[in-house]
Amino acid sequence: MEEIGKKLDSLTKTVATRIGSILGEQATDFEVCDLCSYWNTPGWRHTGPLPQDLRDQIAYLIGQRPQSDLEPDPHSRVCTTCKGEGFVSTGSKAIGQEQLSCVECNGMGWQATDDKRRPGFLSTPNGPTAQALGVTAQDAAMQPAPLEEPPEVAALRQQGYLVVAPIAAGV
């Protein structure tokens, strides 16, 4: 394994020299590719931001969905305070305090534009309504518990159970 490592180091130096001889002054516009050098195999990339199509290819290679495949959400927008990062700079020089979660978007990088994305808006109904069950307003009215409890209820209370009379769904 050590021998292979030495050969790969030699190959990396050879490729760097060769790139310099081919590109001349333009070779300074290239840098070692982090993905390639992780396995000690020579790879070079152009400096600066990656084009979106290349970013999408890299996302696919590492098991993520390319961002360009997604449609924009009509119920949210990028947070204007943190510009979508979810964090803001505090200007602090104290270790660990240089950045904090954005308060405006709760660190999510986006803000709701309508109620469909606001917290608490989504709720799951608790079963069908009383009307759907055929319960009338009169049936749903709470009736006082009978003065005499059925023997089963008395037995349960005696064992320490809390027994509550059934309540019909509101109308």
C-alpha atoms as a PDB file:
ATOM      1  CA  MET A   1       0.000   0.000   0.000  1.00  0.00           C
ATOM      2  CA  GLU A   2       2.872   2.347   0.768  1.00  0.00           C
ATOM      3  CA  GLU A   3       4.326   1.689  -2.680  1.00  0.00           C
ATOM      4  CA  ILE A   4       1.024   2.649  -4.324  1.00  0.00           C
ATOM      5  CA  GLY A   5       0.935   5.864  -2.288  1.00  0.00           C
ATOM      6  CA  LYS A   6       4.429   6.809  -3.493  1.00  0.00           C
ATOM      7  CA  LYS A   7       3.446   6.133  -7.106  1.00  0.00           C
ATOM      8  CA  LEU A   8       0.309   8.282  -6.772  1.00  0.00           C
ATOM      9  CA  ASP A   9       2.364  11.120  -5.221  1.00  0.00           C
ATOM     10  CA  SER A  10       4.735  10.909  -8.183  1.00  0.00           C
ATOM     11  CA  LEU A  11       1.799  10.938 -10.602  1.00  0.00           C
ATOM     12  CA  THR A  12       0.360  14.044  -8.915  1.00  0.00           C
ATOM     13  CA  LYS A  13       3.676  15.886  -9.339  1.00  0.00           C
ATOM     14  CA  THR A  14       3.917  14.758 -12.971  1.00  0.00           C
ATOM     15  CA  VAL A  15       0.391  15.973 -13.755  1.00  0.00           C
ATOM     16  CA  ALA A  16       1.058  19.328 -12.046  1.00  0.00           C
ATOM     17  CA  THR A  17       4.231  19.782 -14.096  1.00  0.00           C
ATOM     18  CA  ARG A  18       2.455  18.756 -17.290  1.00  0.00           C
ATOM     19  CA  ILE A  19      -0.450  21.166 -16.679  1.00  0.00           C
ATOM     20  CA  GLY A  20       2.072  23.956 -16.147  1.00  0.00           C
ATOM     21  CA  SER A  21       3.876  23.144 -19.393  1.00  0.00           C
ATOM     22  CA  ILE A  22       0.628  22.934 -21.402  1.00  0.00           C
ATOM     23  CA  LEU A  23      -1.200  25.962 -19.970  1.00  0.00           C
ATOM     24  CA  GLY A  24       1.754  28.199 -19.167  1.00  0.00           C
ATOM     25  CA  GLU A  25       0.623  31.355 -17.343  1.00  0.00           C
ATOM     26  CA  GLN A  26      -2.999  30.144 -17.358  1.00  0.00           C
ATOM     27  CA  ALA A  27      -2.032  27.256 -15.064  1.00  0.00           C
ATOM     28  CA  THR A  28      -2.376  29.647 -12.116  1.00  0.00           C
ATOM     29  CA  ASP A  29      -6.122  29.711 -12.843  1.00  0.00           C
ATOM     30  CA  PHE A  30      -6.321  26.051 -11.787  1.00  0.00           C
ATOM     31  CA  GLU A  31      -6.154  24.411  -8.391  1.00  0.00           C
ATOM     32  CA  VAL A  32      -6.078  20.886  -7.019  1.00  0.00           C
ATOM     33  CA  CYS A  33      -9.547  19.316  -7.016  1.00  0.00           C
ATOM     34  CA  ASP A  34     -10.585  18.484  -3.452  1.00  0.00           C
ATOM     35  CA  LEU A  35     -12.716  15.551  -4.574  1.00  0.00           C
ATOM     36  CA  CYS A  36      -9.888  13.991  -6.580  1.00  0.00           C
ATOM     37  CA  SER A  37      -7.098  14.647  -4.091  1.00  0.00           C
ATOM     38  CA  TYR A  38      -9.075  12.964  -1.308  1.00  0.00           C
ATOM     39  CA  TRP A  39      -8.020   9.612  -2.781  1.00  0.00           C
ATOM     40  CA  ASN A  40      -4.592  10.939  -3.777  1.00  0.00           C
ATOM     41  CA  THR A  41      -5.433  10.823  -7.472  1.00  0.00           C
ATOM     42  CA  PRO A  42      -4.444  13.886  -9.476  1.00  0.00           C
ATOM     43  CA  GLY A  43      -7.206  16.189 -10.520  1.00  0.00           C
ATOM     44  CA  TRP A  44      -7.343  19.906 -11.200  1.00  0.00           C
ATOM     45  CA  ARG A  45     -10.189  22.333 -11.516  1.00  0.00           C
ATOM     46  CA  HIS A  46     -10.586  25.913 -12.606  1.00  0.00           C
ATOM     47  CA  THR A  47     -10.578  28.337  -9.667  1.00  0.00           C
ATOM     48  CA  GLY A  48     -13.683  30.303  -8.798  1.00  0.00           C
ATOM     49  CA  PRO A  49     -17.321  29.310  -8.489  1.00  0.00           C
ATOM     50  CA  LEU A  50     -18.468  26.129 -10.166  1.00  0.00           C
ATOM     51  CA  PRO A  51     -20.997  26.409 -13.005  1.00  0.00           C
ATOM     52  CA  GLN A  52     -24.509  25.294 -12.008  1.00  0.00           C
ATOM     53  CA  ASP A  53     -24.507  22.256 -14.317  1.00  0.00           C
ATOM     54  CA  LEU A  54     -21.288  21.011 -12.693  1.00  0.00           C
ATOM     55  CA  ARG A  55     -22.707  21.670  -9.219  1.00  0.00           C
ATOM     56  CA  ASP A  56     -25.740  19.585 -10.192  1.00  0.00           C
ATOM     57  CA  GLN A  57     -23.492  16.741 -11.368  1.00  0.00           C
ATOM     58  CA  ILE A  58     -21.528  16.800  -8.112  1.00  0.00           C
ATOM     59  CA  ALA A  59     -24.768  16.854  -6.098  1.00  0.00           C
ATOM     60  CA  TYR A  60     -25.924  13.780  -8.006  1.00  0.00           C
ATOM     61  CA  LEU A  61     -22.596  12.011  -7.407  1.00  0.00           C
ATOM     62  CA  ILE A  62     -22.822  12.532  -3.651  1.00  0.00           C
ATOM     63  CA  GLY A  63     -26.444  11.406  -3.503  1.00  0.00           C
ATOM     64  CA  GLN A  64     -28.197  14.756  -3.348  1.00  0.00           C
ATOM     65  CA  ARG A  65     -30.859  16.090  -5.629  1.00  0.00           C
ATOM     66  CA  PRO A  66     -29.678  18.851  -7.958  1.00  0.00           C
ATOM     67  CA  GLN A  67     -31.186  22.154  -6.891  1.00  0.00           C
ATOM     68  CA  SER A  68     -32.167  23.060 -10.436  1.00  0.00           C
ATOM     69  CA  ASP A  69     -34.608  20.114 -10.546  1.00  0.00           C
ATOM     70  CA  LEU A  70     -36.835  21.743  -7.943  1.00  0.00           C
ATOM     71  CA  GLU A  71     -39.651  24.164  -8.649  1.00  0.00           C
ATOM     72  CA  PRO A  72     -39.738  27.392  -6.621  1.00  0.00           C
ATOM     73  CA  ASP A  73     -42.058  27.365  -3.621  1.00  0.00           C
ATOM     74  CA  PRO A  74     -44.944  29.846  -4.029  1.00  0.00           C
ATOM     75  CA  HIS A  75     -45.410  30.037  -0.245  1.00  0.00           C
ATOM     76  CA  SER A  76     -41.892  31.052   0.814  1.00  0.00           C
ATOM     77  CA  ARG A  77     -39.006  33.322  -0.091  1.00  0.00           C
ATOM     78  CA  VAL A  78     -35.329  33.502   0.744  1.00  0.00           C
ATOM     79  CA  CYS A  79     -34.757  35.259   4.058  1.00  0.00           C
ATOM     80  CA  THR A  80     -33.663  38.812   3.316  1.00  0.00           C
ATOM     81  CA  THR A  81     -31.627  39.048   6.518  1.00  0.00           C
ATOM     82  CA  CYS A  82     -29.371  35.987   6.138  1.00  0.00           C
ATOM     83  CA  LYS A  83     -29.748  35.636   2.340  1.00  0.00           C
ATOM     84  CA  GLY A  84     -30.778  31.985   2.714  1.00  0.00           C
ATOM     85  CA  GLU A  85     -27.790  30.912   4.829  1.00  0.00           C
ATOM     86  CA  GLY A  86     -29.733  30.453   8.075  1.00  0.00           C
ATOM     87  CA  PHE A  87     -26.897  32.118   9.996  1.00  0.00           C
ATOM     88  CA  VAL A  88     -25.794  35.718  10.445  1.00  0.00           C
ATOM     89  CA  SER A  89     -22.445  37.186  11.430  1.00  0.00           C
ATOM     90  CA  THR A  90     -22.342  38.783  14.867  1.00  0.00           C
ATOM     91  CA  GLY A  91     -19.002  40.502  14.407  1.00  0.00           C
ATOM     92  CA  SER A  92     -17.927  38.911  17.680  1.00  0.00           C
ATOM     93  CA  LYS A  93     -14.342  37.816  18.174  1.00  0.00           C
ATOM     94  CA  ALA A  94     -15.311  35.375  20.926  1.00  0.00           C
ATOM     95  CA  ILE A  95     -14.815  31.755  19.887  1.00  0.00           C
ATOM     96  CA  GLY A  96     -18.101  30.163  18.930  1.00  0.00           C
ATOM     97  CA  GLN A  97     -19.927  33.496  18.827  1.00  0.00           C
ATOM     98  CA  GLU A  98     -18.854  34.630  15.347  1.00  0.00           C
ATOM     99  CA  GLN A  99     -22.170  33.565  13.854  1.00  0.00           C
ATOM    100  CA  LEU A 100     -25.624  32.858  15.214  1.00  0.00           C
ATOM    101  CA  SER A 101     -28.818  31.368  13.872  1.00  0.00           C
ATOM    102  CA  CYS A 102     -30.882  33.975  12.041  1.00  0.00           C
ATOM    103  CA  VAL A 103     -33.762  35.166  14.226  1.00  0.00           C
ATOM    104  CA  GLU A 104     -35.873  36.355  11.292  1.00  0.00           C
ATOM    105  CA  CYS A 105     -36.159  32.886   9.723  1.00  0.00           C
ATOM    106  CA  ASN A 106     -35.378  30.707  12.776  1.00  0.00           C
ATOM    107  CA  GLY A 107     -32.230  29.504  11.039  1.00  0.00           C
ATOM    108  CA  MET A 108     -34.136  28.001   8.115  1.00  0.00           C
ATOM    109  CA  GLY A 109     -32.934  30.448   5.443  1.00  0.00           C
ATOM    110  CA  TRP A 110     -36.472  31.124   4.214  1.00  0.00           C
ATOM    111  CA  GLN A 111     -39.576  32.970   5.349  1.00  0.00           C
ATOM    112  CA  ALA A 112     -43.242  32.206   4.771  1.00  0.00           C
ATOM    113  CA  THR A 113     -45.079  34.485   2.348  1.00  0.00           C
ATOM    114  CA  ASP A 114     -48.560  33.334   3.372  1.00  0.00           C
ATOM    115  CA  ASP A 115     -50.326  31.273   6.019  1.00  0.00           C
ATOM    116  CA  LYS A 116     -49.723  27.947   4.272  1.00  0.00           C
ATOM    117  CA  ARG A 117     -46.108  27.866   5.535  1.00  0.00           C
ATOM    118  CA  ARG A 118     -46.559  29.668   8.848  1.00  0.00           C
ATOM    119  CA  PRO A 119     -46.025  27.588  11.996  1.00  0.00           C
ATOM    120  CA  GLY A 120     -49.245  26.247  13.451  1.00  0.00           C
ATOM    121  CA  PHE A 121     -51.189  26.684  10.235  1.00  0.00           C
ATOM    122  CA  LEU A 122     -51.058  23.013   9.378  1.00  0.00           C
ATOM    123  CA  SER A 123     -53.421  21.067  11.566  1.00  0.00           C
ATOM    124  CA  THR A 124     -54.824  17.613  11.355  1.00  0.00           C
ATOM    125  CA  PRO A 125     -58.540  17.332  11.993  1.00  0.00           C
ATOM    126  CA  ASN A 126     -59.500  15.022  14.820  1.00  0.00           C
ATOM    127  CA  GLY A 127     -61.875  12.740  12.949  1.00  0.00           C
ATOM    128  CA  PRO A 128     -65.140  13.646  11.237  1.00  0.00           C
ATOM    129  CA  THR A 129     -67.271  16.494  12.513  1.00  0.00           C
ATOM    130  CA  ALA A 130     -70.380  15.870  14.534  1.00  0.00           C
ATOM    131  CA  GLN A 131     -72.572  16.813  11.582  1.00  0.00           C
ATOM    132  CA  ALA A 132     -70.858  14.207   9.407  1.00  0.00           C
ATOM    133  CA  LEU A 133     -71.623  11.632  12.094  1.00  0.00           C
ATOM    134  CA  GLY A 134     -75.288  12.653  12.172  1.00  0.00           C
ATOM    135  CA  VAL A 135     -75.095  14.111  15.694  1.00  0.00           C
ATOM    136  CA  THR A 136     -77.627  16.884  16.232  1.00  0.00           C
ATOM    137  CA  ALA A 137     -77.052  19.919  18.400  1.00  0.00           C
ATOM    138  CA  GLN A 138     -79.472  18.484  20.959  1.00  0.00           C
ATOM    139  CA  ASP A 139     -77.624  15.144  21.012  1.00  0.00           C
ATOM    140  CA  ALA A 140     -74.296  16.919  21.433  1.00  0.00           C
ATOM    141  CA  ALA A 141     -75.440  18.951  24.433  1.00  0.00           C
ATOM    142  CA  MET A 142     -73.717  17.779  27.562  1.00  0.00           C
ATOM    143  CA  GLN A 143     -76.015  15.925  29.863  1.00  0.00           C
ATOM    144  CA  PRO A 144     -75.270  15.750  33.566  1.00  0.00           C
ATOM    145  CA  ALA A 145     -74.021  12.367  34.676  1.00  0.00           C
ATOM    146  CA  PRO A 146     -76.759  10.131  36.026  1.00  0.00           C
ATOM    147  CA  LEU A 147     -77.087  10.173  39.791  1.00  0.00           C
ATOM    148  CA  GLU A 148     -76.614   6.433  39.945  1.00  0.00           C
ATOM    149  CA  GLU A 149     -73.493   5.108  38.291  1.00  0.00           C
ATOM    150  CA  PRO A 150     -73.536   1.767  36.577  1.00  0.00           C
ATOM    151  CA  PRO A 151     -71.885  -0.894  38.752  1.00  0.00           C
ATOM    152  CA  GLU A 152     -68.989  -1.208  36.262  1.00  0.00           C
ATOM    153  CA  VAL A 153     -68.119   2.482  36.709  1.00  0.00           C
ATOM    154  CA  ALA A 154     -68.304   2.212  40.495  1.00  0.00           C
ATOM    155  CA  ALA A 155     -66.007  -0.848  40.387  1.00  0.00           C
ATOM    156  CA  LEU A 156     -63.470   0.977  38.218  1.00  0.00           C
ATOM    157  CA  ARG A 157     -63.486   4.047  40.475  1.00  0.00           C
ATOM    158  CA  GLN A 158     -62.970   1.791  43.479  1.00  0.00           C
ATOM    159  CA  GLN A 159     -59.835   0.404  41.785  1.00  0.00           C
ATOM    160  CA  GLY A 160     -58.491   3.954  41.350  1.00  0.00           C
ATOM    161  CA  TYR A 161     -59.456   4.565  37.724  1.00  0.00           C
ATOM    162  CA  LEU A 162     -60.691   7.946  36.573  1.00  0.00           C
ATOM    163  CA  VAL A 163     -63.936   7.493  34.677  1.00  0.00           C
ATOM    164  CA  VAL A 164     -65.212  10.314  32.497  1.00  0.00           C
ATOM    165  CA  ALA A 165     -68.646  10.345  30.910  1.00  0.00           C
ATOM    166  CA  PRO A 166     -68.496  10.290  27.095  1.00  0.00           C
ATOM    167  CA  ILE A 167     -68.704  13.678  25.438  1.00  0.00           C
ATOM    168  CA  ALA A 168     -70.269  13.976  21.989  1.00  0.00           C
ATOM    169  CA  ALA A 169     -68.362  15.922  19.349  1.00  0.00           C
ATOM    170  CA  GLY A 170     -69.380  19.566  19.073  1.00  0.00           C
ATOM    171  CA  VAL A 171     -71.614  20.680  16.240  1.00  0.00           C
END
